Protein backbone atom coordinates (compact mmCIF):
# COMPACT_ATOMS: atom_id res chain seq x y z
CA MET A 1 140.55 104.05 92.25
CA THR A 2 137.67 106.40 91.44
CA GLU A 3 134.21 104.89 91.84
CA THR A 4 132.47 104.47 88.50
CA LYS A 5 128.88 105.46 87.75
CA THR A 6 127.92 101.80 87.58
CA GLU A 7 129.41 101.14 91.01
CA GLN A 8 127.56 104.15 92.41
CA LEU A 9 124.25 102.88 91.02
CA LEU A 10 124.85 99.40 92.44
CA TRP A 11 125.66 100.72 95.90
CA GLN A 12 122.71 103.12 96.04
CA ARG A 13 120.13 100.73 94.56
CA ARG A 14 117.73 99.18 97.06
CA SER A 15 114.36 97.46 97.13
CA VAL A 16 111.89 100.33 97.44
CA ARG A 17 108.65 99.56 99.29
CA GLY A 18 107.26 103.07 99.61
CA TYR A 19 106.46 105.32 96.62
CA HIS A 20 105.01 108.68 95.71
CA ASP A 21 101.92 108.48 93.52
CA THR A 22 103.54 110.62 90.82
CA PRO A 23 102.83 109.03 87.42
CA VAL A 24 105.73 107.57 85.46
CA PRO A 25 105.68 108.75 81.82
CA ARG A 26 105.47 106.03 79.22
CA ASP A 27 108.62 107.25 77.49
CA ALA A 28 110.58 106.78 80.73
CA VAL A 29 109.27 103.22 81.09
CA THR A 30 110.14 102.59 77.44
CA ARG A 31 113.72 103.75 77.98
CA ILE A 32 114.06 101.52 81.03
CA LEU A 33 112.72 98.43 79.26
CA CYS A 34 114.82 99.00 76.14
CA ALA A 35 117.90 99.23 78.36
CA ALA A 36 116.85 96.03 80.13
CA ARG A 37 116.66 94.18 76.83
CA ARG A 38 120.34 95.01 76.19
CA ALA A 39 121.34 92.50 78.88
CA PRO A 40 123.40 89.46 77.79
CA SER A 41 121.37 86.61 76.31
CA GLY A 42 122.60 83.12 75.43
CA ALA A 43 122.07 82.48 71.70
CA ASN A 44 120.23 85.83 71.72
CA LEU A 45 117.00 84.10 72.75
CA GLN A 46 116.04 87.18 74.82
CA PRO A 47 113.76 85.25 77.20
CA GLY A 48 111.13 86.98 79.28
CA ARG A 49 108.27 89.35 78.65
CA PHE A 50 107.27 92.49 80.53
CA HIS A 51 103.60 93.37 80.95
CA VAL A 52 103.47 96.99 82.11
CA LEU A 53 100.46 98.26 84.02
CA THR A 54 99.19 101.57 85.36
CA GLY A 55 95.80 103.19 85.85
CA ALA A 56 92.63 101.08 85.57
CA PRO A 57 94.29 97.84 84.33
CA PHE A 58 96.73 98.02 87.26
CA GLU A 59 93.92 98.60 89.75
CA GLY A 60 92.07 95.64 88.25
CA LEU A 61 95.00 93.30 88.86
CA LYS A 62 95.57 94.57 92.39
CA GLY A 63 91.87 94.16 93.12
CA ALA A 64 91.91 90.56 91.90
CA LEU A 65 94.96 89.80 94.04
CA ALA A 66 93.40 91.47 97.11
CA LEU A 67 90.31 89.32 96.66
CA ALA A 68 92.40 86.16 96.38
CA VAL A 69 94.20 87.05 99.62
CA ALA A 70 90.95 87.94 101.42
CA GLU A 71 89.30 84.69 100.34
CA LYS A 72 92.42 82.75 101.36
CA ARG A 73 92.61 81.29 97.90
CA PRO A 74 95.24 78.52 97.64
CA MET A 75 98.55 79.73 96.29
CA VAL A 76 99.44 78.45 92.84
CA ALA A 77 103.11 79.11 92.06
CA GLN A 78 104.37 77.81 88.73
CA TYR A 79 107.95 77.26 89.89
CA SER A 80 109.91 76.98 93.14
CA TYR A 81 111.58 80.26 94.10
CA PHE A 82 113.41 79.01 97.20
CA PRO A 83 115.27 75.75 97.94
CA GLN A 84 112.98 72.98 99.18
CA PRO A 85 113.67 72.49 102.03
CA MET A 86 115.42 75.74 102.95
CA PRO A 87 118.88 75.04 104.51
CA ALA A 88 119.30 76.40 108.04
CA ASP A 89 121.95 78.99 107.10
CA LEU A 90 119.78 80.42 104.32
CA LYS A 91 116.71 80.38 106.55
CA ALA A 92 118.68 82.47 109.05
CA ARG A 93 119.43 85.02 106.33
CA GLN A 94 115.79 85.16 105.35
CA ARG A 95 114.73 85.75 108.95
CA THR A 96 117.36 88.43 109.50
CA ALA A 97 116.17 90.36 106.45
CA GLY A 98 112.56 90.03 107.56
CA TYR A 99 113.27 91.14 111.11
CA ALA A 100 115.15 94.21 109.85
CA LEU A 101 112.15 95.19 107.73
CA TYR A 102 109.61 94.69 110.51
CA HIS A 103 111.82 96.43 113.07
CA ALA A 104 112.03 99.53 110.87
CA LEU A 105 108.23 99.59 110.77
CA GLY A 106 107.82 98.98 114.50
CA ILE A 107 106.22 95.57 113.94
CA GLU A 108 107.02 93.17 116.77
CA ARG A 109 108.18 89.63 116.05
CA ARG A 110 105.01 88.13 117.52
CA ASP A 111 102.71 90.54 115.68
CA ILE A 112 101.57 88.01 113.11
CA ALA A 113 98.76 90.22 111.83
CA GLY A 114 101.09 93.19 111.38
CA ARG A 115 103.65 91.09 109.55
CA LYS A 116 101.00 89.63 107.26
CA ALA A 117 99.59 93.09 106.51
CA GLN A 118 103.04 94.26 105.49
CA PHE A 119 103.66 91.17 103.37
CA ASP A 120 100.32 91.59 101.61
CA LYS A 121 101.52 94.95 100.32
CA ASN A 122 103.49 92.89 97.80
CA TYR A 123 100.18 92.24 96.07
CA ARG A 124 99.55 95.99 95.84
CA PHE A 125 103.02 96.50 94.35
CA PHE A 126 103.69 98.67 97.43
CA ASP A 127 101.33 101.28 95.94
CA ALA A 128 103.79 102.17 93.18
CA PRO A 129 102.23 103.98 90.19
CA VAL A 130 103.54 101.37 87.75
CA GLY A 131 103.63 97.59 88.04
CA ILE A 132 105.37 95.17 85.71
CA VAL A 133 104.43 91.52 85.50
CA VAL A 134 107.43 89.49 84.34
CA THR A 135 106.82 86.21 82.52
CA ILE A 136 108.85 83.63 80.66
CA GLN A 137 107.85 80.94 78.20
CA LYS A 138 107.26 77.68 80.04
CA ASP A 139 109.53 75.61 77.79
CA MET A 140 112.61 77.75 78.42
CA GLY A 141 115.54 76.08 80.20
CA LYS A 142 117.09 77.07 83.53
CA GLY A 143 119.77 79.09 81.75
CA CYS A 144 117.07 81.33 80.34
CA PHE A 145 116.04 82.23 83.89
CA MET A 146 119.64 83.42 84.36
CA ASP A 147 119.33 85.58 81.26
CA LEU A 148 116.02 86.97 82.48
CA GLY A 149 117.67 87.78 85.82
CA MET A 150 120.35 89.78 84.03
CA SER A 151 117.65 91.63 82.15
CA LEU A 152 115.89 92.45 85.42
CA MET A 153 119.11 93.76 86.92
CA ALA A 154 119.61 95.96 83.87
CA LEU A 155 116.05 97.20 84.36
CA PHE A 156 116.73 98.07 88.00
CA LEU A 157 119.91 99.97 87.16
CA ALA A 158 118.34 101.83 84.24
CA ALA A 159 115.46 102.91 86.50
CA GLU A 160 117.88 103.97 89.23
CA ASP A 161 119.86 106.03 86.74
CA LEU A 162 116.68 107.86 85.69
CA GLY A 163 115.76 108.60 89.29
CA TYR A 164 113.16 105.88 89.84
CA GLY A 165 112.95 103.30 92.59
CA THR A 166 112.14 99.65 92.01
CA SER A 167 111.45 96.45 93.87
CA GLY A 168 111.24 92.92 92.60
CA ILE A 169 108.15 91.11 93.87
CA GLY A 170 108.71 87.37 93.94
CA ALA A 171 105.50 86.94 95.97
CA LEU A 172 103.48 87.70 92.85
CA ALA A 173 104.19 84.17 91.65
CA ASN A 174 102.17 82.86 94.63
CA TYR A 175 99.03 83.79 92.70
CA ALA A 176 100.24 83.04 89.20
CA ASP A 177 96.82 81.72 88.23
CA VAL A 178 95.11 84.94 89.30
CA VAL A 179 97.60 87.03 87.32
CA GLN A 180 97.26 84.72 84.31
CA GLN A 181 93.48 84.98 84.30
CA THR A 182 93.24 88.69 85.04
CA LEU A 183 95.69 89.72 82.32
CA ASP A 184 94.56 87.00 79.92
CA LEU A 185 98.14 85.86 79.43
CA PRO A 186 98.97 83.16 76.87
CA ASP A 187 98.99 79.62 78.25
CA ASP A 188 102.67 79.21 77.41
CA GLU A 189 103.75 82.04 79.73
CA LEU A 190 104.90 81.36 83.29
CA VAL A 191 104.56 84.18 85.85
CA VAL A 192 108.03 84.81 87.31
CA CYS A 193 107.65 87.93 89.44
CA GLY A 194 106.41 91.49 89.58
CA VAL A 195 108.32 94.77 89.61
CA ALA A 196 107.17 97.95 91.34
CA LEU A 197 108.33 101.19 89.69
CA GLY A 198 107.97 104.82 90.73
CA ARG A 199 109.48 107.76 92.57
CA THR A 200 110.90 106.73 95.94
CA ASP A 201 109.26 108.16 99.06
CA GLU A 202 112.38 109.01 101.03
CA ASP A 203 110.31 109.73 104.15
CA ALA A 204 108.86 106.21 104.29
CA LYS A 205 110.42 104.25 107.16
CA VAL A 206 110.29 101.07 105.13
CA ASN A 207 112.83 102.56 102.73
CA THR A 208 115.48 102.92 105.44
CA VAL A 209 116.09 99.16 105.43
CA ARG A 210 119.31 97.96 103.84
CA THR A 211 120.17 94.28 103.68
CA GLU A 212 123.79 93.26 104.14
CA ARG A 213 125.90 91.39 101.62
CA ASP A 214 128.62 88.81 102.26
CA GLU A 215 132.24 89.87 102.43
CA LEU A 216 134.28 89.11 99.31
CA ASN A 217 136.11 86.16 100.88
CA ILE A 218 132.81 84.36 101.54
CA PHE A 219 131.66 84.12 97.93
CA THR A 220 134.89 84.45 95.90
CA SER A 221 138.13 82.53 95.40
CA PHE A 222 141.13 83.88 93.49
CA ARG A 223 143.64 81.66 91.67
CA GLY A 224 146.76 82.59 89.77
CA PHE A 225 147.00 86.18 91.04
CA ASP A 226 150.30 87.44 92.45
CA THR A 227 148.66 89.10 95.48
């Protein structure tokens, strides 16, 4: 069976953590976001908002986040991203992904400072030329997070199709209060994540990392099929 364009995009998509500083035109961002909004939505509620930043406003947010990190400001997440506590099998996956990233960058396992410096690049949106702060209304149900996730995946694929790299930045929620204050977001909006967007730097070692996915038999069961 011939591989479809959608399959090709899914296989080639990756979390990009190294970008060129080439500006992304507003019309390209508009196309990407309009495509993202075409994702399925229960009752057509279309949950989630996208606050797109570049230039001085983007530098202002990154500066505020850098200051919060430097001052060791307490993290204020508005929701729990990971299971609490993290099961051992999932913790092993998390560690494996982290080790792969640090290994590609030549950061040793015991190099705590080096690992922290790399992690803190999340708060600079990995120096991408465009950053998107993703929010959702606080009174939305859990199903609306699922709809927002589908919209984000549509965003990633639309960007990939136009030749842009992306990375979701869950760590942004660690300083939700800083983001809220800096962008003067409405009180009813919850900071979900960030998205970095720009042209991929193919020479960056960090972009050589590919995380593995489970084999089909691990996450799927078939019933009623002949073979």
